[in-house]
Amino acid sequence: MYVDDTFFCGPDKILLNKIKTRFIEKWECRDLGDLSEFLQMHIVRHDHKILIDQTDYLIKILQYFRMENARPTPTPLPSGYHLQKHEESVDY
């Protein structure tokens, strides 16, 4: 939820529709259908995955600060570093 924009997501469509219906009954709002953009994030569903892309927003920011032609700079990570998935449980 962000100010006056809300979206519901989850693996159980029936439950989501019930929650959404109750929400609409309680608050003055409308269903705009499947989400394709939220807070300048482009959202695409593909093969049971949700892909989020902020490329358009990044381009706007680079243009605003006149950095479209800025050169990349190295990061403190070693060259060729690959992230690995953390498999162990996490204590909060």
PDB file of N, CA and C in Angstrom:
ATOM      1  N   MET A   1       0.847  -1.166   0.000  1.00  0.00           N
ATOM      2  CA  MET A   1       0.000   0.000   0.000  1.00  0.00           C
ATOM      3  C   MET A   1       0.893   1.230   0.000  1.00  0.00           C
ATOM      4  N   TYR A   2       0.551   2.212  -0.811  1.00  0.00           N
ATOM      5  CA  TYR A   2       1.306   3.460  -0.855  1.00  0.00           C
ATOM      6  C   TYR A   2       0.309   4.595  -1.041  1.00  0.00           C
ATOM      7  N   VAL A   3       0.126   5.424  -0.070  1.00  0.00           N
ATOM      8  CA  VAL A   3      -0.793   6.564  -0.053  1.00  0.00           C
ATOM      9  C   VAL A   3      -2.190   6.116  -0.466  1.00  0.00           C
ATOM     10  N   ASP A   4      -2.510   6.189  -1.746  1.00  0.00           N
ATOM     11  CA  ASP A   4      -3.841   5.785  -2.184  1.00  0.00           C
ATOM     12  C   ASP A   4      -3.798   4.666  -3.220  1.00  0.00           C
ATOM     13  N   ASP A   5      -2.683   3.989  -3.340  1.00  0.00           N
ATOM     14  CA  ASP A   5      -2.541   2.867  -4.266  1.00  0.00           C
ATOM     15  C   ASP A   5      -2.289   1.591  -3.471  1.00  0.00           C
ATOM     16  N   THR A   6      -3.020   0.551  -3.801  1.00  0.00           N
ATOM     17  CA  THR A   6      -2.870  -0.725  -3.107  1.00  0.00           C
ATOM     18  C   THR A   6      -2.898  -1.843  -4.126  1.00  0.00           C
ATOM     19  N   PHE A   7      -2.095  -2.857  -3.910  1.00  0.00           N
ATOM     20  CA  PHE A   7      -2.231  -4.057  -4.728  1.00  0.00           C
ATOM     21  C   PHE A   7      -2.130  -5.274  -3.832  1.00  0.00           C
ATOM     22  N   PHE A   8      -2.802  -6.324  -4.254  1.00  0.00           N
ATOM     23  CA  PHE A   8      -2.819  -7.583  -3.519  1.00  0.00           C
ATOM     24  C   PHE A   8      -2.137  -8.631  -4.378  1.00  0.00           C
ATOM     25  N   CYS A   9      -1.280  -9.436  -3.775  1.00  0.00           N
ATOM     26  CA  CYS A   9      -0.634 -10.495  -4.537  1.00  0.00           C
ATOM     27  C   CYS A   9      -0.434 -11.713  -3.643  1.00  0.00           C
ATOM     28  N   GLY A  10      -0.408 -12.876  -4.255  1.00  0.00           N
ATOM     29  CA  GLY A  10      -0.218 -14.111  -3.525  1.00  0.00           C
ATOM     30  C   GLY A  10      -0.558 -15.305  -4.389  1.00  0.00           C
ATOM     31  N   PRO A  11      -0.275 -16.498  -3.915  1.00  0.00           N
ATOM     32  CA  PRO A  11      -0.474 -17.700  -4.731  1.00  0.00           C
ATOM     33  C   PRO A  11      -1.929 -18.179  -4.797  1.00  0.00           C
ATOM     34  N   ASP A  12      -2.805 -17.719  -3.895  1.00  0.00           N
ATOM     35  CA  ASP A  12      -4.182 -18.209  -3.831  1.00  0.00           C
ATOM     36  C   ASP A  12      -5.144 -17.154  -4.389  1.00  0.00           C
ATOM     37  N   LYS A  13      -5.520 -17.300  -5.673  1.00  0.00           N
ATOM     38  CA  LYS A  13      -6.373 -16.306  -6.333  1.00  0.00           C
ATOM     39  C   LYS A  13      -7.738 -16.177  -5.670  1.00  0.00           C
ATOM     40  N   ILE A  14      -8.301 -17.290  -5.210  1.00  0.00           N
ATOM     41  CA  ILE A  14      -9.625 -17.252  -4.583  1.00  0.00           C
ATOM     42  C   ILE A  14      -9.574 -16.405  -3.308  1.00  0.00           C
ATOM     43  N   LEU A  15      -8.559 -16.651  -2.474  1.00  0.00           N
ATOM     44  CA  LEU A  15      -8.398 -15.873  -1.249  1.00  0.00           C
ATOM     45  C   LEU A  15      -8.146 -14.398  -1.568  1.00  0.00           C
ATOM     46  N   LEU A  16      -7.301 -14.134  -2.550  1.00  0.00           N
ATOM     47  CA  LEU A  16      -7.016 -12.747  -2.927  1.00  0.00           C
ATOM     48  C   LEU A  16      -8.280 -12.028  -3.369  1.00  0.00           C
ATOM     49  N   ASN A  17      -9.116 -12.705  -4.159  1.00  0.00           N
ATOM     50  CA  ASN A  17     -10.359 -12.085  -4.621  1.00  0.00           C
ATOM     51  C   ASN A  17     -11.303 -11.800  -3.459  1.00  0.00           C
ATOM     52  N   LYS A  18     -11.354 -12.690  -2.464  1.00  0.00           N
ATOM     53  CA  LYS A  18     -12.188 -12.452  -1.275  1.00  0.00           C
ATOM     54  C   LYS A  18     -11.691 -11.224  -0.512  1.00  0.00           C
ATOM     55  N   ILE A  19     -10.390 -11.164  -0.302  1.00  0.00           N
ATOM     56  CA  ILE A  19      -9.808 -10.031   0.416  1.00  0.00           C
ATOM     57  C   ILE A  19     -10.048  -8.736  -0.343  1.00  0.00           C
ATOM     58  N   LYS A  20      -9.832  -8.775  -1.650  1.00  0.00           N
ATOM     59  CA  LYS A  20     -10.019  -7.586  -2.476  1.00  0.00           C
ATOM     60  C   LYS A  20     -11.480  -7.129  -2.448  1.00  0.00           C
ATOM     61  N   THR A  21     -12.415  -8.074  -2.512  1.00  0.00           N
ATOM     62  CA  THR A  21     -13.842  -7.741  -2.472  1.00  0.00           C
ATOM     63  C   THR A  21     -14.199  -7.070  -1.143  1.00  0.00           C
ATOM     64  N   ARG A  22     -13.708  -7.626  -0.046  1.00  0.00           N
ATOM     65  CA  ARG A  22     -13.982  -7.036   1.271  1.00  0.00           C
ATOM     66  C   ARG A  22     -13.371  -5.646   1.389  1.00  0.00           C
ATOM     67  N   PHE A  23     -12.182  -5.483   0.837  1.00  0.00           N
ATOM     68  CA  PHE A  23     -11.501  -4.183   0.866  1.00  0.00           C
ATOM     69  C   PHE A  23     -12.321  -3.151   0.095  1.00  0.00           C
ATOM     70  N   ILE A  24     -12.806  -3.525  -1.096  1.00  0.00           N
ATOM     71  CA  ILE A  24     -13.584  -2.618  -1.938  1.00  0.00           C
ATOM     72  C   ILE A  24     -14.913  -2.268  -1.269  1.00  0.00           C
ATOM     73  N   GLU A  25     -15.516  -3.237  -0.557  1.00  0.00           N
ATOM     74  CA  GLU A  25     -16.759  -2.966   0.167  1.00  0.00           C
ATOM     75  C   GLU A  25     -16.532  -1.962   1.296  1.00  0.00           C
ATOM     76  N   LYS A  26     -15.383  -2.024   1.938  1.00  0.00           N
ATOM     77  CA  LYS A  26     -15.080  -1.171   3.093  1.00  0.00           C
ATOM     78  C   LYS A  26     -14.635   0.235   2.677  1.00  0.00           C
ATOM     79  N   TRP A  27     -13.800   0.320   1.653  1.00  0.00           N
ATOM     80  CA  TRP A  27     -13.215   1.589   1.234  1.00  0.00           C
ATOM     81  C   TRP A  27     -13.715   1.975  -0.155  1.00  0.00           C
ATOM     82  N   GLU A  28     -13.821   3.252  -0.391  1.00  0.00           N
ATOM     83  CA  GLU A  28     -14.243   3.730  -1.716  1.00  0.00           C
ATOM     84  C   GLU A  28     -13.065   3.581  -2.679  1.00  0.00           C
ATOM     85  N   CYS A  29     -13.149   2.599  -3.546  1.00  0.00           N
ATOM     86  CA  CYS A  29     -12.069   2.354  -4.498  1.00  0.00           C
ATOM     87  C   CYS A  29     -12.584   1.507  -5.649  1.00  0.00           C
ATOM     88  N   ARG A  30     -11.713   1.231  -6.594  1.00  0.00           N
ATOM     89  CA  ARG A  30     -12.086   0.404  -7.743  1.00  0.00           C
ATOM     90  C   ARG A  30     -10.925  -0.503  -8.127  1.00  0.00           C
ATOM     91  N   ASP A  31     -11.264  -1.580  -8.785  1.00  0.00           N
ATOM     92  CA  ASP A  31     -10.279  -2.566  -9.238  1.00  0.00           C
ATOM     93  C   ASP A  31      -9.826  -2.179 -10.638  1.00  0.00           C
ATOM     94  N   LEU A  32      -8.557  -1.932 -10.808  1.00  0.00           N
ATOM     95  CA  LEU A  32      -8.013  -1.539 -12.112  1.00  0.00           C
ATOM     96  C   LEU A  32      -7.440  -2.720 -12.886  1.00  0.00           C
ATOM     97  N   GLY A  33      -7.666  -3.936 -12.403  1.00  0.00           N
ATOM     98  CA  GLY A  33      -7.207  -5.125 -13.121  1.00  0.00           C
ATOM     99  C   GLY A  33      -5.781  -5.500 -12.766  1.00  0.00           C
ATOM    100  N   ASP A  34      -5.174  -6.293 -13.647  1.00  0.00           N
ATOM    101  CA  ASP A  34      -3.808  -6.771 -13.409  1.00  0.00           C
ATOM    102  C   ASP A  34      -2.830  -5.603 -13.328  1.00  0.00           C
ATOM    103  N   LEU A  35      -1.902  -5.729 -12.402  1.00  0.00           N
ATOM    104  CA  LEU A  35      -0.905  -4.706 -12.163  1.00  0.00           C
ATOM    105  C   LEU A  35       0.178  -4.762 -13.237  1.00  0.00           C
ATOM    106  N   SER A  36       0.489  -3.612 -13.840  1.00  0.00           N
ATOM    107  CA  SER A  36       1.585  -3.573 -14.813  1.00  0.00           C
ATOM    108  C   SER A  36       2.637  -2.539 -14.422  1.00  0.00           C
ATOM    109  N   GLU A  37       2.253  -1.597 -13.525  1.00  0.00           N
ATOM    110  CA  GLU A  37       3.205  -0.597 -13.059  1.00  0.00           C
ATOM    111  C   GLU A  37       2.799  -0.149 -11.660  1.00  0.00           C
ATOM    112  N   PHE A  38       3.782   0.030 -10.780  1.00  0.00           N
ATOM    113  CA  PHE A  38       3.524   0.503  -9.424  1.00  0.00           C
ATOM    114  C   PHE A  38       4.747   1.258  -8.950  1.00  0.00           C
ATOM    115  N   LEU A  39       4.561   2.503  -8.521  1.00  0.00           N
ATOM    116  CA  LEU A  39       5.658   3.353  -8.041  1.00  0.00           C
ATOM    117  C   LEU A  39       6.826   3.369  -9.024  1.00  0.00           C
ATOM    118  N   GLN A  40       6.511   3.550 -10.284  1.00  0.00           N
ATOM    119  CA  GLN A  40       7.467   3.617 -11.392  1.00  0.00           C
ATOM    120  C   GLN A  40       8.260   2.331 -11.582  1.00  0.00           C
ATOM    121  N   MET A  41       7.698   1.211 -11.118  1.00  0.00           N
ATOM    122  CA  MET A  41       8.290  -0.100 -11.380  1.00  0.00           C
ATOM    123  C   MET A  41       7.435  -0.789 -12.438  1.00  0.00           C
ATOM    124  N   HIS A  42       8.035  -1.237 -13.503  1.00  0.00           N
ATOM    125  CA  HIS A  42       7.345  -1.981 -14.549  1.00  0.00           C
ATOM    126  C   HIS A  42       7.265  -3.438 -14.083  1.00  0.00           C
ATOM    127  N   ILE A  43       6.065  -4.010 -14.071  1.00  0.00           N
ATOM    128  CA  ILE A  43       5.849  -5.344 -13.515  1.00  0.00           C
ATOM    129  C   ILE A  43       5.289  -6.270 -14.586  1.00  0.00           C
ATOM    130  N   VAL A  44       5.942  -7.429 -14.766  1.00  0.00           N
ATOM    131  CA  VAL A  44       5.542  -8.410 -15.775  1.00  0.00           C
ATOM    132  C   VAL A  44       5.466  -9.783 -15.123  1.00  0.00           C
ATOM    133  N   ARG A  45       4.432 -10.538 -15.438  1.00  0.00           N
ATOM    134  CA  ARG A  45       4.322 -11.923 -14.973  1.00  0.00           C
ATOM    135  C   ARG A  45       4.798 -12.838 -16.096  1.00  0.00           C
ATOM    136  N   HIS A  46       5.656 -13.803 -15.740  1.00  0.00           N
ATOM    137  CA  HIS A  46       6.199 -14.713 -16.749  1.00  0.00           C
ATOM    138  C   HIS A  46       6.537 -16.050 -16.091  1.00  0.00           C
ATOM    139  N   ASP A  47       5.930 -17.137 -16.562  1.00  0.00           N
ATOM    140  CA  ASP A  47       6.217 -18.485 -16.043  1.00  0.00           C
ATOM    141  C   ASP A  47       6.170 -18.557 -14.515  1.00  0.00           C
ATOM    142  N   HIS A  48       5.081 -18.152 -13.910  1.00  0.00           N
ATOM    143  CA  HIS A  48       4.885 -18.191 -12.459  1.00  0.00           C
ATOM    144  C   HIS A  48       5.902 -17.340 -11.694  1.00  0.00           C
ATOM    145  N   LYS A  49       6.458 -16.345 -12.363  1.00  0.00           N
ATOM    146  CA  LYS A  49       7.393 -15.419 -11.736  1.00  0.00           C
ATOM    147  C   LYS A  49       6.890 -14.001 -11.948  1.00  0.00           C
ATOM    148  N   ILE A  50       7.289 -13.117 -11.064  1.00  0.00           N
ATOM    149  CA  ILE A  50       6.990 -11.699 -11.222  1.00  0.00           C
ATOM    150  C   ILE A  50       8.312 -10.982 -11.440  1.00  0.00           C
ATOM    151  N   LEU A  51       8.427 -10.296 -12.565  1.00  0.00           N
ATOM    152  CA  LEU A  51       9.649  -9.572 -12.909  1.00  0.00           C
ATOM    153  C   LEU A  51       9.412  -8.080 -12.693  1.00  0.00           C
ATOM    154  N   ILE A  52      10.313  -7.431 -11.992  1.00  0.00           N
ATOM    155  CA  ILE A  52      10.203  -6.005 -11.700  1.00  0.00           C
ATOM    156  C   ILE A  52      11.382  -5.286 -12.339  1.00  0.00           C
ATOM    157  N   ASP A  53      11.076  -4.225 -13.077  1.00  0.00           N
ATOM    158  CA  ASP A  53      12.089  -3.512 -13.846  1.00  0.00           C
ATOM    159  C   ASP A  53      11.917  -2.012 -13.621  1.00  0.00           C
ATOM    160  N   GLN A  54      12.983  -1.316 -13.283  1.00  0.00           N
ATOM    161  CA  GLN A  54      12.943   0.127 -13.095  1.00  0.00           C
ATOM    162  C   GLN A  54      13.809   0.863 -14.113  1.00  0.00           C
ATOM    163  N   THR A  55      14.040   0.259 -15.262  1.00  0.00           N
ATOM    164  CA  THR A  55      14.903   0.858 -16.279  1.00  0.00           C
ATOM    165  C   THR A  55      14.405   2.237 -16.713  1.00  0.00           C
ATOM    166  N   ASP A  56      13.095   2.374 -16.996  1.00  0.00           N
ATOM    167  CA  ASP A  56      12.560   3.668 -17.439  1.00  0.00           C
ATOM    168  C   ASP A  56      12.791   4.747 -16.389  1.00  0.00           C
ATOM    169  N   TYR A  57      12.595   4.391 -15.122  1.00  0.00           N
ATOM    170  CA  TYR A  57      12.810   5.351 -14.029  1.00  0.00           C
ATOM    171  C   TYR A  57      14.286   5.732 -13.937  1.00  0.00           C
ATOM    172  N   LEU A  58      15.166   4.763 -14.066  1.00  0.00           N
ATOM    173  CA  LEU A  58      16.602   5.032 -14.020  1.00  0.00           C
ATOM    174  C   LEU A  58      17.008   5.984 -15.144  1.00  0.00           C
ATOM    175  N   ILE A  59      16.480   5.768 -16.334  1.00  0.00           N
ATOM    176  CA  ILE A  59      16.796   6.649 -17.470  1.00  0.00           C
ATOM    177  C   ILE A  59      16.345   8.074 -17.172  1.00  0.00           C
ATOM    178  N   LYS A  60      15.138   8.238 -16.596  1.00  0.00           N
ATOM    179  CA  LYS A  60      14.653   9.576 -16.236  1.00  0.00           C
ATOM    180  C   LYS A  60      15.593  10.251 -15.234  1.00  0.00           C
ATOM    181  N   ILE A  61      16.029   9.503 -14.235  1.00  0.00           N
ATOM    182  CA  ILE A  61      16.929  10.066 -13.219  1.00  0.00           C
ATOM    183  C   ILE A  61      18.261  10.469 -13.846  1.00  0.00           C
ATOM    184  N   LEU A  62      18.815   9.609 -14.697  1.00  0.00           N
ATOM    185  CA  LEU A  62      20.079   9.935 -15.359  1.00  0.00           C
ATOM    186  C   LEU A  62      19.936  11.173 -16.237  1.00  0.00           C
ATOM    187  N   GLN A  63      18.808  11.295 -16.940  1.00  0.00           N
ATOM    188  CA  GLN A  63      18.579  12.470 -17.775  1.00  0.00           C
ATOM    189  C   GLN A  63      18.427  13.726 -16.917  1.00  0.00           C
ATOM    190  N   TYR A  64      17.705  13.615 -15.814  1.00  0.00           N
ATOM    191  CA  TYR A  64      17.488  14.757 -14.926  1.00  0.00           C
ATOM    192  C   TYR A  64      18.818  15.323 -14.422  1.00  0.00           C
ATOM    193  N   PHE A  65      19.742  14.440 -14.067  1.00  0.00           N
ATOM    194  CA  PHE A  65      21.042  14.865 -13.561  1.00  0.00           C
ATOM    195  C   PHE A  65      22.099  14.958 -14.665  1.00  0.00           C
ATOM    196  N   ARG A  66      21.652  14.857 -15.921  1.00  0.00           N
ATOM    197  CA  ARG A  66      22.532  14.944 -17.104  1.00  0.00           C
ATOM    198  C   ARG A  66      23.697  13.962 -17.011  1.00  0.00           C
ATOM    199  N   MET A  67      23.365  12.719 -16.692  1.00  0.00           N
ATOM    200  CA  MET A  67      24.389  11.686 -16.547  1.00  0.00           C
ATOM    201  C   MET A  67      24.196  10.534 -17.531  1.00  0.00           C
ATOM    202  N   GLU A  68      23.433  10.772 -18.625  1.00  0.00           N
ATOM    203  CA  GLU A  68      23.163   9.689 -19.576  1.00  0.00           C
ATOM    204  C   GLU A  68      24.442   9.103 -20.164  1.00  0.00           C
ATOM    205  N   ASN A  69      25.466   9.930 -20.280  1.00  0.00           N
ATOM    206  CA  ASN A  69      26.717   9.480 -20.899  1.00  0.00           C
ATOM    207  C   ASN A  69      27.816   9.209 -19.872  1.00  0.00           C
ATOM    208  N   ALA A  70      27.430   9.068 -18.610  1.00  0.00           N
ATOM    209  CA  ALA A  70      28.429   8.804 -17.568  1.00  0.00           C
ATOM    210  C   ALA A  70      29.078   7.442 -17.800  1.00  0.00           C
ATOM    211  N   ARG A  71      30.332   7.352 -17.477  1.00  0.00           N
ATOM    212  CA  ARG A  71      31.050   6.088 -17.632  1.00  0.00           C
ATOM    213  C   ARG A  71      30.844   5.213 -16.408  1.00  0.00           C
ATOM    214  N   PRO A  72      30.805   3.895 -16.597  1.00  0.00           N
ATOM    215  CA  PRO A  72      30.671   3.013 -15.431  1.00  0.00           C
ATOM    216  C   PRO A  72      31.938   3.073 -14.586  1.00  0.00           C
ATOM    217  N   THR A  73      31.796   2.732 -13.339  1.00  0.00           N
ATOM    218  CA  THR A  73      32.941   2.704 -12.440  1.00  0.00           C
ATOM    219  C   THR A  73      32.975   1.350 -11.738  1.00  0.00           C
ATOM    220  N   PRO A  74      34.143   0.860 -11.418  1.00  0.00           N
ATOM    221  CA  PRO A  74      34.211  -0.454 -10.768  1.00  0.00           C
ATOM    222  C   PRO A  74      33.597  -0.414  -9.369  1.00  0.00           C
ATOM    223  N   THR A  75      33.127  -1.549  -8.922  1.00  0.00           N
ATOM    224  CA  THR A  75      32.579  -1.667  -7.571  1.00  0.00           C
ATOM    225  C   THR A  75      33.661  -2.267  -6.674  1.00  0.00           C
ATOM    226  N   PRO A  76      33.452  -2.231  -5.369  1.00  0.00           N
ATOM    227  CA  PRO A  76      34.453  -2.831  -4.475  1.00  0.00           C
ATOM    228  C   PRO A  76      34.462  -4.362  -4.530  1.00  0.00           C
ATOM    229  N   LEU A  77      33.514  -4.977  -5.229  1.00  0.00           N
ATOM    230  CA  LEU A  77      33.504  -6.440  -5.328  1.00  0.00           C
ATOM    231  C   LEU A  77      34.584  -6.907  -6.295  1.00  0.00           C
ATOM    232  N   PRO A  78      35.159  -8.062  -6.060  1.00  0.00           N
ATOM    233  CA  PRO A  78      36.175  -8.575  -6.985  1.00  0.00           C
ATOM    234  C   PRO A  78      35.570  -8.905  -8.348  1.00  0.00           C
ATOM    235  N   SER A  79      36.362  -8.784  -9.365  1.00  0.00           N
ATOM    236  CA  SER A  79      35.914  -9.102 -10.712  1.00  0.00           C
ATOM    237  C   SER A  79      35.468 -10.558 -10.794  1.00  0.00           C
ATOM    238  N   GLY A  80      34.332 -10.803 -11.436  1.00  0.00           N
ATOM    239  CA  GLY A  80      33.832 -12.165 -11.596  1.00  0.00           C
ATOM    240  C   GLY A  80      33.077 -12.700 -10.395  1.00  0.00           C
ATOM    241  N   TYR A  81      32.841 -11.868  -9.381  1.00  0.00           N
ATOM    242  CA  TYR A  81      32.133 -12.311  -8.177  1.00  0.00           C
ATOM    243  C   TYR A  81      30.694 -12.689  -8.523  1.00  0.00           C
ATOM    244  N   HIS A  82      30.232 -13.839  -8.033  1.00  0.00           N
ATOM    245  CA  HIS A  82      28.853 -14.280  -8.256  1.00  0.00           C
ATOM    246  C   HIS A  82      28.174 -14.505  -6.914  1.00  0.00           C
ATOM    247  N   LEU A  83      26.979 -13.939  -6.773  1.00  0.00           N
ATOM    248  CA  LEU A  83      26.225 -14.130  -5.535  1.00  0.00           C
ATOM    249  C   LEU A  83      25.788 -15.577  -5.408  1.00  0.00           C
ATOM    250  N   GLN A  84      25.724 -16.064  -4.188  1.00  0.00           N
ATOM    251  CA  GLN A  84      25.262 -17.421  -3.929  1.00  0.00           C
ATOM    252  C   GLN A  84      24.042 -17.363  -3.023  1.00  0.00           C
ATOM    253  N   LYS A  85      23.076 -18.230  -3.269  1.00  0.00           N
ATOM    254  CA  LYS A  85      21.871 -18.276  -2.476  1.00  0.00           C
ATOM    255  C   LYS A  85      22.202 -18.776  -1.068  1.00  0.00           C
ATOM    256  N   HIS A  86      21.642 -18.114  -0.063  1.00  0.00           N
ATOM    257  CA  HIS A  86      21.837 -18.509   1.329  1.00  0.00           C
ATOM    258  C   HIS A  86      20.836 -19.598   1.656  1.00  0.00           C
ATOM    259  N   GLU A  87      21.289 -20.792   1.947  1.00  0.00           N
ATOM    260  CA  GLU A  87      20.425 -21.955   2.157  1.00  0.00           C
ATOM    261  C   GLU A  87      20.075 -22.203   3.620  1.00  0.00           C
ATOM    262  N   GLU A  88      20.821 -21.640   4.543  1.00  0.00           N
ATOM    263  CA  GLU A  88      20.606 -21.906   5.963  1.00  0.00           C
ATOM    264  C   GLU A  88      19.435 -21.087   6.495  1.00  0.00           C
ATOM    265  N   SER A  89      18.858 -21.530   7.630  1.00  0.00           N
ATOM    266  CA  SER A  89      17.770 -20.770   8.242  1.00  0.00           C
ATOM    267  C   SER A  89      18.328 -19.491   8.840  1.00  0.00           C
ATOM    268  N   VAL A  90      17.452 -18.508   9.021  1.00  0.00           N
ATOM    269  CA  VAL A  90      17.859 -17.211   9.514  1.00  0.00           C
ATOM    270  C   VAL A  90      17.133 -16.913  10.816  1.00  0.00           C
ATOM    271  N   ASP A  91      17.861 -16.470  11.831  1.00  0.00           N
ATOM    272  CA  ASP A  91      17.256 -16.037  13.087  1.00  0.00           C
ATOM    273  C   ASP A  91      16.973 -14.553  12.991  1.00  0.00           C
ATOM    274  N   TYR A  92      15.754 -14.169  13.323  1.00  0.00           N
ATOM    275  CA  TYR A  92      15.399 -12.741  13.259  1.00  0.00           C
ATOM    276  C   TYR A  92      15.530 -12.124  14.585  1.00  0.00           C
TER     277      TYR A  92
END
